């Protein structure tokens, strides 16, 4: 099942003329394309699907969605690979 996962924007930057960002998903950071949410700023929350932020959401909504996904055991792709 493919779901959008909430994350907190840590930083934004341009890469090859695309708005990109470092997004934190409960301790795991990933590189995310932010072109669909160009108004987003660090410390705001976004919903991310396959590496693309689709929309901004508030912190309370981010916490609710993350809790639901955790309950459904749908966060395994955010796990750091074990060595």
PDB file of N, CA and C in Angstrom:
ATOM      1  N   UNK A   1       0.848  -1.172   0.000  1.00  0.00           N
ATOM      2  CA  UNK A   1       0.000   0.000   0.000  1.00  0.00           C
ATOM      3  C   UNK A   1       0.897   1.239   0.000  1.00  0.00           C
ATOM      4  N   UNK A   2       0.574   2.207  -0.827  1.00  0.00           N
ATOM      5  CA  UNK A   2       1.342   3.442  -0.901  1.00  0.00           C
ATOM      6  C   UNK A   2       0.591   4.563  -0.210  1.00  0.00           C
ATOM      7  N   UNK A   3       1.208   5.129   0.796  1.00  0.00           N
ATOM      8  CA  UNK A   3       0.592   6.201   1.553  1.00  0.00           C
ATOM      9  C   UNK A   3       1.514   7.403   1.618  1.00  0.00           C
ATOM     10  N   UNK A   4       0.935   8.569   1.832  1.00  0.00           N
ATOM     11  CA  UNK A   4       1.738   9.763   2.081  1.00  0.00           C
ATOM     12  C   UNK A   4       2.090   9.786   3.566  1.00  0.00           C
ATOM     13  N   UNK A   5       3.328  10.118   3.863  1.00  0.00           N
ATOM     14  CA  UNK A   5       3.829  10.119   5.234  1.00  0.00           C
ATOM     15  C   UNK A   5       4.153  11.554   5.640  1.00  0.00           C
ATOM     16  N   UNK A   6       3.745  11.980   6.840  1.00  0.00           N
ATOM     17  CA  UNK A   6       4.056  13.335   7.281  1.00  0.00           C
ATOM     18  C   UNK A   6       5.509  13.451   7.734  1.00  0.00           C
ATOM     19  N   UNK A   7       6.101  14.596   7.447  1.00  0.00           N
ATOM     20  CA  UNK A   7       7.468  14.861   7.882  1.00  0.00           C
ATOM     21  C   UNK A   7       7.667  16.345   8.112  1.00  0.00           C
ATOM     22  N   UNK A   8       8.678  16.677   8.925  1.00  0.00           N
ATOM     23  CA  UNK A   8       8.999  18.066   9.238  1.00  0.00           C
ATOM     24  C   UNK A   8      10.158  18.522   8.359  1.00  0.00           C
ATOM     25  N   UNK A   9       9.959  19.637   7.678  1.00  0.00           N
ATOM     26  CA  UNK A   9      11.001  20.189   6.813  1.00  0.00           C
ATOM     27  C   UNK A   9      12.110  20.750   7.699  1.00  0.00           C
ATOM     28  N   UNK A  10      13.325  20.264   7.491  1.00  0.00           N
ATOM     29  CA  UNK A  10      14.489  20.694   8.260  1.00  0.00           C
ATOM     30  C   UNK A  10      15.195  21.838   7.537  1.00  0.00           C
ATOM     31  N   UNK A  11      15.338  21.691   6.223  1.00  0.00           N
ATOM     32  CA  UNK A  11      15.979  22.734   5.420  1.00  0.00           C
ATOM     33  C   UNK A  11      15.472  22.659   3.991  1.00  0.00           C
ATOM     34  N   UNK A  12      15.600  23.760   3.267  1.00  0.00           N
ATOM     35  CA  UNK A  12      15.239  23.792   1.855  1.00  0.00           C
ATOM     36  C   UNK A  12      16.445  24.279   1.061  1.00  0.00           C
ATOM     37  N   UNK A  13      16.528  23.853  -0.203  1.00  0.00           N
ATOM     38  CA  UNK A  13      17.635  24.256  -1.070  1.00  0.00           C
ATOM     39  C   UNK A  13      17.246  23.994  -2.519  1.00  0.00           C
ATOM     40  N   UNK A  14      17.989  24.561  -3.420  1.00  0.00           N
ATOM     41  CA  UNK A  14      17.768  24.351  -4.853  1.00  0.00           C
ATOM     42  C   UNK A  14      18.774  23.325  -5.354  1.00  0.00           C
ATOM     43  N   UNK A  15      18.291  22.402  -6.168  1.00  0.00           N
ATOM     44  CA  UNK A  15      19.151  21.405  -6.791  1.00  0.00           C
ATOM     45  C   UNK A  15      18.696  21.263  -8.245  1.00  0.00           C
ATOM     46  N   UNK A  16      19.556  21.619  -9.182  1.00  0.00           N
ATOM     47  CA  UNK A  16      19.204  21.577 -10.609  1.00  0.00           C
ATOM     48  C   UNK A  16      17.914  22.350 -10.883  1.00  0.00           C
ATOM     49  N   UNK A  17      17.784  23.508 -10.253  1.00  0.00           N
ATOM     50  CA  UNK A  17      16.639  24.407 -10.390  1.00  0.00           C
ATOM     51  C   UNK A  17      15.326  23.845  -9.834  1.00  0.00           C
ATOM     52  N   UNK A  18      15.396  22.814  -9.002  1.00  0.00           N
ATOM     53  CA  UNK A  18      14.222  22.275  -8.315  1.00  0.00           C
ATOM     54  C   UNK A  18      14.311  22.609  -6.837  1.00  0.00           C
ATOM     55  N   UNK A  19      13.175  22.946  -6.235  1.00  0.00           N
ATOM     56  CA  UNK A  19      13.136  23.167  -4.797  1.00  0.00           C
ATOM     57  C   UNK A  19      13.144  21.815  -4.101  1.00  0.00           C
ATOM     58  N   UNK A  20      14.165  21.593  -3.307  1.00  0.00           N
ATOM     59  CA  UNK A  20      14.339  20.331  -2.585  1.00  0.00           C
ATOM     60  C   UNK A  20      14.421  20.633  -1.100  1.00  0.00           C
ATOM     61  N   UNK A  21      14.368  19.587  -0.285  1.00  0.00           N
ATOM     62  CA  UNK A  21      14.501  19.791   1.143  1.00  0.00           C
ATOM     63  C   UNK A  21      14.924  18.527   1.860  1.00  0.00           C
ATOM     64  N   UNK A  22      15.436  18.739   3.041  1.00  0.00           N
ATOM     65  CA  UNK A  22      15.720  17.646   3.964  1.00  0.00           C
ATOM     66  C   UNK A  22      14.511  17.580   4.885  1.00  0.00           C
ATOM     67  N   UNK A  23      13.863  16.407   4.932  1.00  0.00           N
ATOM     68  CA  UNK A  23      12.638  16.239   5.718  1.00  0.00           C
ATOM     69  C   UNK A  23      12.861  15.146   6.750  1.00  0.00           C
ATOM     70  N   UNK A  24      12.467  15.420   7.986  1.00  0.00           N
ATOM     71  CA  UNK A  24      12.640  14.485   9.095  1.00  0.00           C
ATOM     72  C   UNK A  24      11.334  13.727   9.326  1.00  0.00           C
ATOM     73  N   UNK A  25      11.438  12.397   9.342  1.00  0.00           N
ATOM     74  CA  UNK A  25      10.295  11.522   9.589  1.00  0.00           C
ATOM     75  C   UNK A  25      10.530  10.801  10.913  1.00  0.00           C
ATOM     76  N   UNK A  26      10.337  11.488  12.009  1.00  0.00           N
ATOM     77  CA  UNK A  26      10.496  10.857  13.320  1.00  0.00           C
ATOM     78  C   UNK A  26      11.882  10.318  13.580  1.00  0.00           C
ATOM     79  N   UNK A  27      12.910  11.059  13.164  1.00  0.00           N
ATOM     80  CA  UNK A  27      14.288  10.650  13.418  1.00  0.00           C
ATOM     81  C   UNK A  27      15.031  10.158  12.191  1.00  0.00           C
ATOM     82  N   UNK A  28      14.333   9.894  11.112  1.00  0.00           N
ATOM     83  CA  UNK A  28      14.959   9.479   9.859  1.00  0.00           C
ATOM     84  C   UNK A  28      14.783  10.612   8.857  1.00  0.00           C
ATOM     85  N   UNK A  29      15.884  11.103   8.290  1.00  0.00           N
ATOM     86  CA  UNK A  29      15.823  12.206   7.330  1.00  0.00           C
ATOM     87  C   UNK A  29      15.952  11.685   5.910  1.00  0.00           C
ATOM     88  N   UNK A  30      15.195  12.323   5.025  1.00  0.00           N
ATOM     89  CA  UNK A  30      15.232  11.968   3.608  1.00  0.00           C
ATOM     90  C   UNK A  30      15.251  13.238   2.766  1.00  0.00           C
ATOM     91  N   UNK A  31      15.788  13.114   1.564  1.00  0.00           N
ATOM     92  CA  UNK A  31      15.777  14.189   0.572  1.00  0.00           C
ATOM     93  C   UNK A  31      14.422  14.135  -0.141  1.00  0.00           C
ATOM     94  N   UNK A  32      13.730  15.289  -0.232  1.00  0.00           N
ATOM     95  CA  UNK A  32      12.370  15.331  -0.774  1.00  0.00           C
ATOM     96  C   UNK A  32      12.243  16.490  -1.753  1.00  0.00           C
ATOM     97  N   UNK A  33      11.521  16.277  -2.844  1.00  0.00           N
ATOM     98  CA  UNK A  33      11.210  17.355  -3.783  1.00  0.00           C
ATOM     99  C   UNK A  33      10.062  18.182  -3.203  1.00  0.00           C
ATOM    100  N   UNK A  34      10.261  19.500  -3.136  1.00  0.00           N
ATOM    101  CA  UNK A  34       9.264  20.408  -2.557  1.00  0.00           C
ATOM    102  C   UNK A  34       8.603  21.299  -3.604  1.00  0.00           C
ATOM    103  N   UNK A  35       8.762  20.984  -4.871  1.00  0.00           N
ATOM    104  CA  UNK A  35       8.221  21.834  -5.942  1.00  0.00           C
ATOM    105  C   UNK A  35       6.709  22.025  -5.863  1.00  0.00           C
ATOM    106  N   UNK A  36       5.979  21.056  -5.341  1.00  0.00           N
ATOM    107  CA  UNK A  36       4.518  21.173  -5.245  1.00  0.00           C
ATOM    108  C   UNK A  36       4.072  22.030  -4.061  1.00  0.00           C
ATOM    109  N   UNK A  37       4.998  22.361  -3.175  1.00  0.00           N
ATOM    110  CA  UNK A  37       4.686  23.196  -2.005  1.00  0.00           C
ATOM    111  C   UNK A  37       5.756  24.292  -1.872  1.00  0.00           C
ATOM    112  N   UNK A  38       5.879  25.165  -2.870  1.00  0.00           N
ATOM    113  CA  UNK A  38       6.983  26.131  -2.889  1.00  0.00           C
ATOM    114  C   UNK A  38       6.974  27.133  -1.731  1.00  0.00           C
ATOM    115  N   UNK A  39       5.848  27.277  -1.055  1.00  0.00           N
ATOM    116  CA  UNK A  39       5.755  28.220   0.054  1.00  0.00           C
ATOM    117  C   UNK A  39       6.209  27.632   1.390  1.00  0.00           C
ATOM    118  N   UNK A  40       6.548  26.345   1.415  1.00  0.00           N
ATOM    119  CA  UNK A  40       6.917  25.685   2.667  1.00  0.00           C
ATOM    120  C   UNK A  40       8.230  26.246   3.214  1.00  0.00           C
ATOM    121  N   UNK A  41       8.318  26.290   4.519  1.00  0.00           N
ATOM    122  CA  UNK A  41       9.496  26.803   5.233  1.00  0.00           C
ATOM    123  C   UNK A  41       9.981  25.752   6.234  1.00  0.00           C
ATOM    124  N   UNK A  42      11.253  25.838   6.634  1.00  0.00           N
ATOM    125  CA  UNK A  42      11.746  24.925   7.676  1.00  0.00           C
ATOM    126  C   UNK A  42      10.866  24.987   8.917  1.00  0.00           C
ATOM    127  N   UNK A  43      10.702  23.845   9.562  1.00  0.00           N
ATOM    128  CA  UNK A  43       9.875  23.616  10.745  1.00  0.00           C
ATOM    129  C   UNK A  43       8.395  23.485  10.431  1.00  0.00           C
ATOM    130  N   UNK A  44       8.010  23.528   9.153  1.00  0.00           N
ATOM    131  CA  UNK A  44       6.631  23.235   8.774  1.00  0.00           C
ATOM    132  C   UNK A  44       6.553  21.761   8.374  1.00  0.00           C
ATOM    133  N   UNK A  45       5.332  21.253   8.292  1.00  0.00           N
ATOM    134  CA  UNK A  45       5.112  19.843   8.004  1.00  0.00           C
ATOM    135  C   UNK A  45       4.510  19.661   6.620  1.00  0.00           C
ATOM    136  N   UNK A  46       4.888  18.558   5.980  1.00  0.00           N
ATOM    137  CA  UNK A  46       4.380  18.216   4.654  1.00  0.00           C
ATOM    138  C   UNK A  46       3.998  16.741   4.623  1.00  0.00           C
ATOM    139  N   UNK A  47       3.102  16.401   3.692  1.00  0.00           N
ATOM    140  CA  UNK A  47       2.799  14.998   3.407  1.00  0.00           C
ATOM    141  C   UNK A  47       3.632  14.588   2.209  1.00  0.00           C
ATOM    142  N   UNK A  48       4.394  13.505   2.346  1.00  0.00           N
ATOM    143  CA  UNK A  48       5.328  13.075   1.309  1.00  0.00           C
ATOM    144  C   UNK A  48       4.914  11.712   0.770  1.00  0.00           C
ATOM    145  N   UNK A  49       4.899  11.616  -0.553  1.00  0.00           N
ATOM    146  CA  UNK A  49       4.604  10.354  -1.233  1.00  0.00           C
ATOM    147  C   UNK A  49       5.686  10.130  -2.278  1.00  0.00           C
ATOM    148  N   UNK A  50       6.358   9.003  -2.221  1.00  0.00           N
ATOM    149  CA  UNK A  50       7.455   8.609  -3.108  1.00  0.00           C
ATOM    150  C   UNK A  50       8.440   9.747  -3.395  1.00  0.00           C
ATOM    151  N   UNK A  51       8.839  10.451  -2.346  1.00  0.00           N
ATOM    152  CA  UNK A  51       9.869  11.478  -2.487  1.00  0.00           C
ATOM    153  C   UNK A  51       9.383  12.856  -2.888  1.00  0.00           C
ATOM    154  N   UNK A  52       8.067  13.047  -2.993  1.00  0.00           N
ATOM    155  CA  UNK A  52       7.495  14.339  -3.365  1.00  0.00           C
ATOM    156  C   UNK A  52       6.561  14.825  -2.264  1.00  0.00           C
ATOM    157  N   UNK A  53       6.775  16.045  -1.794  1.00  0.00           N
ATOM    158  CA  UNK A  53       5.843  16.649  -0.845  1.00  0.00           C
ATOM    159  C   UNK A  53       4.617  17.087  -1.629  1.00  0.00           C
ATOM    160  N   UNK A  54       3.448  16.610  -1.219  1.00  0.00           N
ATOM    161  CA  UNK A  54       2.215  16.888  -1.952  1.00  0.00           C
ATOM    162  C   UNK A  54       1.422  18.049  -1.369  1.00  0.00           C
ATOM    163  N   UNK A  55       1.529  18.248  -0.047  1.00  0.00           N
ATOM    164  CA  UNK A  55       0.796  19.340   0.586  1.00  0.00           C
ATOM    165  C   UNK A  55       1.408  19.662   1.945  1.00  0.00           C
ATOM    166  N   UNK A  56       1.131  20.868   2.404  1.00  0.00           N
ATOM    167  CA  UNK A  56       1.522  21.271   3.757  1.00  0.00           C
ATOM    168  C   UNK A  56       0.414  20.856   4.710  1.00  0.00           C
ATOM    169  N   UNK A  57       0.797  20.491   5.926  1.00  0.00           N
ATOM    170  CA  UNK A  57      -0.192  20.190   6.968  1.00  0.00           C
ATOM    171  C   UNK A  57       0.328  20.783   8.273  1.00  0.00           C
ATOM    172  N   UNK A  58      -0.576  20.946   9.242  1.00  0.00           N
ATOM    173  CA  UNK A  58      -0.124  21.480  10.526  1.00  0.00           C
ATOM    174  C   UNK A  58       0.446  20.357  11.391  1.00  0.00           C
ATOM    175  N   UNK A  59       1.123  20.743  12.452  1.00  0.00           N
ATOM    176  CA  UNK A  59       1.829  19.773  13.297  1.00  0.00           C
ATOM    177  C   UNK A  59       0.877  18.755  13.934  1.00  0.00           C
ATOM    178  N   UNK A  60      -0.299  19.197  14.374  1.00  0.00           N
ATOM    179  CA  UNK A  60      -1.250  18.265  14.993  1.00  0.00           C
ATOM    180  C   UNK A  60      -1.695  17.191  14.010  1.00  0.00           C
ATOM    181  N   UNK A  61      -2.009  17.609  12.787  1.00  0.00           N
ATOM    182  CA  UNK A  61      -2.423  16.648  11.764  1.00  0.00           C
ATOM    183  C   UNK A  61      -1.273  15.689  11.435  1.00  0.00           C
ATOM    184  N   UNK A  62      -0.050  16.213  11.363  1.00  0.00           N
ATOM    185  CA  UNK A  62       1.119  15.365  11.099  1.00  0.00           C
ATOM    186  C   UNK A  62       1.258  14.296  12.178  1.00  0.00           C
ATOM    187  N   UNK A  63       1.090  14.676  13.425  1.00  0.00           N
ATOM    188  CA  UNK A  63       1.201  13.711  14.523  1.00  0.00           C
ATOM    189  C   UNK A  63       0.107  12.642  14.439  1.00  0.00           C
ATOM    190  N   UNK A  64      -1.123  13.066  14.107  1.00  0.00           N
ATOM    191  CA  UNK A  64      -2.230  12.105  13.990  1.00  0.00           C
ATOM    192  C   UNK A  64      -1.978  11.103  12.860  1.00  0.00           C
ATOM    193  N   UNK A  65      -1.567  11.592  11.710  1.00  0.00           N
ATOM    194  CA  UNK A  65      -1.314  10.703  10.562  1.00  0.00           C
ATOM    195  C   UNK A  65      -0.159   9.758  10.877  1.00  0.00           C
ATOM    196  N   UNK A  66       0.921  10.272  11.462  1.00  0.00           N
ATOM    197  CA  UNK A  66       2.076   9.434  11.790  1.00  0.00           C
ATOM    198  C   UNK A  66       1.662   8.336  12.774  1.00  0.00           C
ATOM    199  N   UNK A  67       0.841   8.669  13.759  1.00  0.00           N
ATOM    200  CA  UNK A  67       0.384   7.679  14.738  1.00  0.00           C
ATOM    201  C   UNK A  67      -0.454   6.593  14.073  1.00  0.00           C
ATOM    202  N   UNK A  68      -1.321   6.988  13.152  1.00  0.00           N
ATOM    203  CA  UNK A  68      -2.154   6.017  12.439  1.00  0.00           C
ATOM    204  C   UNK A  68      -1.282   5.089  11.595  1.00  0.00           C
ATOM    205  N   UNK A  69      -0.321   5.658  10.878  1.00  0.00           N
ATOM    206  CA  UNK A  69       0.566   4.839  10.052  1.00  0.00           C
ATOM    207  C   UNK A  69       1.385   3.876  10.906  1.00  0.00           C
ATOM    208  N   UNK A  70       1.825   4.353  12.059  1.00  0.00           N
ATOM    209  CA  UNK A  70       2.584   3.498  12.970  1.00  0.00           C
ATOM    210  C   UNK A  70       1.704   2.347  13.461  1.00  0.00           C
ATOM    211  N   UNK A  71       0.460   2.664  13.800  1.00  0.00           N
ATOM    212  CA  UNK A  71      -0.489   1.655  14.249  1.00  0.00           C
ATOM    213  C   UNK A  71      -0.746   0.598  13.169  1.00  0.00           C
ATOM    214  N   UNK A  72      -0.767   1.046  11.921  1.00  0.00           N
ATOM    215  CA  UNK A  72      -1.013   0.145  10.789  1.00  0.00           C
ATOM    216  C   UNK A  72       0.268  -0.557  10.334  1.00  0.00           C
ATOM    217  N   UNK A  73       1.391  -0.287  11.003  1.00  0.00           N
ATOM    218  CA  UNK A  73       2.688  -0.872  10.650  1.00  0.00           C
ATOM    219  C   UNK A  73       3.069  -0.542   9.208  1.00  0.00           C
ATOM    220  N   UNK A  74       2.894   0.736   8.822  1.00  0.00           N
ATOM    221  CA  UNK A  74       3.170   1.184   7.457  1.00  0.00           C
ATOM    222  C   UNK A  74       4.394   2.094   7.376  1.00  0.00           C
ATOM    223  N   UNK A  75       5.276   2.038   8.356  1.00  0.00           N
ATOM    224  CA  UNK A  75       6.434   2.927   8.371  1.00  0.00           C
ATOM    225  C   UNK A  75       7.750   2.201   8.126  1.00  0.00           C
ATOM    226  N   UNK A  76       7.696   0.950   7.689  1.00  0.00           N
ATOM    227  CA  UNK A  76       8.932   0.174   7.526  1.00  0.00           C
ATOM    228  C   UNK A  76       9.887   0.775   6.510  1.00  0.00           C
ATOM    229  N   UNK A  77       9.391   1.453   5.493  1.00  0.00           N
ATOM    230  CA  UNK A  77      10.304   2.031   4.488  1.00  0.00           C
ATOM    231  C   UNK A  77      11.130   3.189   5.049  1.00  0.00           C
ATOM    232  N   UNK A  78      10.730   3.707   6.205  1.00  0.00           N
ATOM    233  CA  UNK A  78      11.500   4.791   6.818  1.00  0.00           C
ATOM    234  C   UNK A  78      12.613   4.269   7.704  1.00  0.00           C
ATOM    235  N   UNK A  79      12.645   2.989   7.941  1.00  0.00           N
ATOM    236  CA  UNK A  79      13.680   2.409   8.790  1.00  0.00           C
ATOM    237  C   UNK A  79      15.051   2.544   8.119  1.00  0.00           C
ATOM    238  N   UNK A  80      16.047   2.869   8.909  1.00  0.00           N
ATOM    239  CA  UNK A  80      17.416   2.882   8.408  1.00  0.00           C
ATOM    240  C   UNK A  80      17.830   1.438   8.155  1.00  0.00           C
ATOM    241  N   UNK A  81      18.523   1.193   7.035  1.00  0.00           N
ATOM    242  CA  UNK A  81      18.970  -0.179   6.762  1.00  0.00           C
ATOM    243  C   UNK A  81      19.912  -0.658   7.860  1.00  0.00           C
ATOM    244  N   UNK A  82      19.730  -1.911   8.257  1.00  0.00           N
ATOM    245  CA  UNK A  82      20.619  -2.462   9.289  1.00  0.00           C
ATOM    246  C   UNK A  82      21.901  -2.940   8.637  1.00  0.00           C
ATOM    247  N   UNK A  83      22.983  -2.844   9.398  1.00  0.00           N
ATOM    248  CA  UNK A  83      24.277  -3.227   8.824  1.00  0.00           C
ATOM    249  C   UNK A  83      24.611  -4.661   9.085  1.00  0.00           C
TER     250      UNK A  83
END
